[in-house]
Amino acid sequence: MFEQEEQRDELLEKIEDLISRKRYAELRDLLLPLEAQDIAGLFMELDDKVPMVFRLLPKEQAAEVFVELDSEEQEVLIQSFSNTELKEVLDELYLACRRAGISPRRG
């Protein structure tokens, strides 16, 4: 987690700035070293920009962030996904469960 609220606010400002200037590669580089829990916390402040920012994340990191989101935020993302994107996220979640030694439930 962020050490101080000020640090979090500065990061949100930088994210908003990069989005407004369409500097997506820089935004991705900014998010890469962050923990999934921290990114999920930032998403709560990004509102309608969440699906676009989520798509910038590498698949494994995106799956980790997805798990950290609450069910309402997950639903918003799911509704924004194409079928292909949804399959990729679910596949990565399945692989993450396997790597962690968790047996994913099959429906």
C-alpha atoms as a PDB file:
ATOM      1  CA  MET A   1       0.000   0.000   0.000  1.00  0.00           C
ATOM      2  CA  PHE A   2       0.994   3.588  -0.390  1.00  0.00           C
ATOM      3  CA  GLU A   3       2.905   4.989   2.543  1.00  0.00           C
ATOM      4  CA  GLN A   4       1.022   8.257   2.504  1.00  0.00           C
ATOM      5  CA  GLU A   5      -2.229   9.568   1.062  1.00  0.00           C
ATOM      6  CA  GLU A   6      -0.205  12.308  -0.616  1.00  0.00           C
ATOM      7  CA  GLN A   7       1.791   9.695  -2.550  1.00  0.00           C
ATOM      8  CA  ARG A   8      -1.427   8.106  -3.786  1.00  0.00           C
ATOM      9  CA  ASP A   9      -2.900  11.454  -4.822  1.00  0.00           C
ATOM     10  CA  GLU A  10       0.249  12.358  -6.760  1.00  0.00           C
ATOM     11  CA  LEU A  11       0.135   9.036  -8.568  1.00  0.00           C
ATOM     12  CA  LEU A  12      -3.529   9.532  -9.460  1.00  0.00           C
ATOM     13  CA  GLU A  13      -2.716  12.988 -10.835  1.00  0.00           C
ATOM     14  CA  LYS A  14       0.091  11.531 -12.940  1.00  0.00           C
ATOM     15  CA  ILE A  15      -2.201   8.766 -14.223  1.00  0.00           C
ATOM     16  CA  GLU A  16      -4.914  11.275 -15.153  1.00  0.00           C
ATOM     17  CA  ASP A  17      -2.315  13.439 -16.900  1.00  0.00           C
ATOM     18  CA  LEU A  18      -0.908  10.532 -18.898  1.00  0.00           C
ATOM     19  CA  ILE A  19      -4.410   9.454 -19.932  1.00  0.00           C
ATOM     20  CA  SER A  20      -5.342  12.969 -21.050  1.00  0.00           C
ATOM     21  CA  ARG A  21      -2.145  13.205 -23.118  1.00  0.00           C
ATOM     22  CA  LYS A  22      -2.641   9.660 -24.486  1.00  0.00           C
ATOM     23  CA  ARG A  23       0.764   8.580 -23.180  1.00  0.00           C
ATOM     24  CA  TYR A  24      -0.288   4.972 -22.730  1.00  0.00           C
ATOM     25  CA  ALA A  25       3.167   3.374 -22.848  1.00  0.00           C
ATOM     26  CA  GLU A  26       4.315   5.675 -20.040  1.00  0.00           C
ATOM     27  CA  LEU A  27       1.175   4.871 -18.072  1.00  0.00           C
ATOM     28  CA  ARG A  28       1.806   1.151 -18.442  1.00  0.00           C
ATOM     29  CA  ASP A  29       5.422   1.635 -17.291  1.00  0.00           C
ATOM     30  CA  LEU A  30       4.164   3.606 -14.282  1.00  0.00           C
ATOM     31  CA  LEU A  31       1.802   0.791 -13.257  1.00  0.00           C
ATOM     32  CA  LEU A  32       4.120  -2.182 -13.847  1.00  0.00           C
ATOM     33  CA  PRO A  33       6.038  -1.991 -10.538  1.00  0.00           C
ATOM     34  CA  LEU A  34       2.884  -1.496  -8.435  1.00  0.00           C
ATOM     35  CA  GLU A  35       1.246  -4.262  -6.423  1.00  0.00           C
ATOM     36  CA  ALA A  36      -2.113  -5.559  -7.677  1.00  0.00           C
ATOM     37  CA  GLN A  37      -3.825  -4.359  -4.504  1.00  0.00           C
ATOM     38  CA  ASP A  38      -2.519  -0.824  -5.054  1.00  0.00           C
ATOM     39  CA  ILE A  39      -3.664  -0.723  -8.666  1.00  0.00           C
ATOM     40  CA  ALA A  40      -7.105  -1.998  -7.654  1.00  0.00           C
ATOM     41  CA  GLY A  41      -7.279   0.797  -5.074  1.00  0.00           C
ATOM     42  CA  LEU A  42      -6.394   3.368  -7.725  1.00  0.00           C
ATOM     43  CA  PHE A  43      -9.107   2.014  -9.997  1.00  0.00           C
ATOM     44  CA  MET A  44     -11.728   3.130  -7.480  1.00  0.00           C
ATOM     45  CA  GLU A  45     -10.774   6.721  -8.357  1.00  0.00           C
ATOM     46  CA  LEU A  46     -10.542   6.331 -12.136  1.00  0.00           C
ATOM     47  CA  ASP A  47     -14.229   5.670 -12.838  1.00  0.00           C
ATOM     48  CA  ASP A  48     -14.905   5.263 -16.573  1.00  0.00           C
ATOM     49  CA  LYS A  49     -11.182   5.086 -17.389  1.00  0.00           C
ATOM     50  CA  VAL A  50     -10.740   1.741 -15.607  1.00  0.00           C
ATOM     51  CA  PRO A  51     -11.391  -0.538 -18.615  1.00  0.00           C
ATOM     52  CA  MET A  52      -8.866   1.338 -20.764  1.00  0.00           C
ATOM     53  CA  VAL A  53      -6.200   1.343 -18.046  1.00  0.00           C
ATOM     54  CA  PHE A  54      -6.891  -2.328 -17.267  1.00  0.00           C
ATOM     55  CA  ARG A  55      -6.227  -3.216 -20.915  1.00  0.00           C
ATOM     56  CA  LEU A  56      -2.742  -1.681 -20.652  1.00  0.00           C
ATOM     57  CA  LEU A  57      -1.643  -4.167 -18.005  1.00  0.00           C
ATOM     58  CA  PRO A  58       0.184  -7.376 -18.913  1.00  0.00           C
ATOM     59  CA  LYS A  59      -2.176 -10.381 -18.711  1.00  0.00           C
ATOM     60  CA  GLU A  60      -0.734 -11.825 -15.512  1.00  0.00           C
ATOM     61  CA  GLN A  61      -0.791  -8.476 -13.699  1.00  0.00           C
ATOM     62  CA  ALA A  62      -4.296  -7.774 -15.015  1.00  0.00           C
ATOM     63  CA  ALA A  63      -5.512 -11.093 -13.594  1.00  0.00           C
ATOM     64  CA  GLU A  64      -3.967 -10.274 -10.214  1.00  0.00           C
ATOM     65  CA  VAL A  65      -5.622  -6.839 -10.206  1.00  0.00           C
ATOM     66  CA  PHE A  66      -8.962  -8.355 -11.227  1.00  0.00           C
ATOM     67  CA  VAL A  67      -8.926 -10.632  -8.182  1.00  0.00           C
ATOM     68  CA  GLU A  68      -8.355  -7.605  -5.911  1.00  0.00           C
ATOM     69  CA  LEU A  69     -11.386  -5.701  -7.248  1.00  0.00           C
ATOM     70  CA  ASP A  70     -14.742  -5.929  -5.523  1.00  0.00           C
ATOM     71  CA  SER A  71     -17.532  -7.727  -7.379  1.00  0.00           C
ATOM     72  CA  GLU A  72     -19.143  -4.505  -8.648  1.00  0.00           C
ATOM     73  CA  GLU A  73     -15.869  -3.310 -10.176  1.00  0.00           C
ATOM     74  CA  GLN A  74     -15.292  -6.754 -11.681  1.00  0.00           C
ATOM     75  CA  GLU A  75     -18.741  -6.637 -13.254  1.00  0.00           C
ATOM     76  CA  VAL A  76     -18.068  -3.223 -14.811  1.00  0.00           C
ATOM     77  CA  LEU A  77     -14.878  -4.587 -16.342  1.00  0.00           C
ATOM     78  CA  ILE A  78     -16.523  -7.786 -17.562  1.00  0.00           C
ATOM     79  CA  GLN A  79     -19.232  -5.782 -19.291  1.00  0.00           C
ATOM     80  CA  SER A  80     -16.579  -3.728 -21.086  1.00  0.00           C
ATOM     81  CA  PHE A  81     -14.660  -6.785 -22.357  1.00  0.00           C
ATOM     82  CA  SER A  82     -14.963  -8.346 -25.761  1.00  0.00           C
ATOM     83  CA  ASN A  83     -15.400 -12.121 -25.731  1.00  0.00           C
ATOM     84  CA  THR A  84     -11.717 -12.533 -26.571  1.00  0.00           C
ATOM     85  CA  GLU A  85     -10.601 -10.236 -23.738  1.00  0.00           C
ATOM     86  CA  LEU A  86     -12.857 -12.040 -21.266  1.00  0.00           C
ATOM     87  CA  LYS A  87     -11.450 -15.409 -22.316  1.00  0.00           C
ATOM     88  CA  GLU A  88      -7.883 -14.110 -21.899  1.00  0.00           C
ATOM     89  CA  VAL A  89      -8.585 -12.807 -18.375  1.00  0.00           C
ATOM     90  CA  LEU A  90     -10.306 -16.042 -17.353  1.00  0.00           C
ATOM     91  CA  ASP A  91      -7.483 -18.133 -18.828  1.00  0.00           C
ATOM     92  CA  GLU A  92      -4.903 -16.098 -16.909  1.00  0.00           C
ATOM     93  CA  LEU A  93      -6.934 -16.402 -13.685  1.00  0.00           C
ATOM     94  CA  TYR A  94      -7.039 -20.168 -14.194  1.00  0.00           C
ATOM     95  CA  LEU A  95      -3.266 -20.277 -14.706  1.00  0.00           C
ATOM     96  CA  ALA A  96      -2.684 -18.062 -11.663  1.00  0.00           C
ATOM     97  CA  CYS A  97      -4.760 -20.445  -9.549  1.00  0.00           C
ATOM     98  CA  ARG A  98      -2.774 -23.400 -10.834  1.00  0.00           C
ATOM     99  CA  ARG A  99       0.537 -21.663 -10.086  1.00  0.00           C
ATOM    100  CA  ALA A 100      -0.672 -20.935  -6.570  1.00  0.00           C
ATOM    101  CA  GLY A 101      -1.675 -24.552  -6.060  1.00  0.00           C
ATOM    102  CA  ILE A 102      -5.363 -23.713  -5.891  1.00  0.00           C
ATOM    103  CA  SER A 103      -7.801 -25.967  -7.692  1.00  0.00           C
ATOM    104  CA  PRO A 104     -10.043 -23.667  -9.762  1.00  0.00           C
ATOM    105  CA  ARG A 105     -13.713 -24.530  -9.586  1.00  0.00           C
ATOM    106  CA  ARG A 106     -15.336 -25.626 -12.794  1.00  0.00           C
ATOM    107  CA  GLY A 107     -18.956 -24.758 -13.323  1.00  0.00           C
END
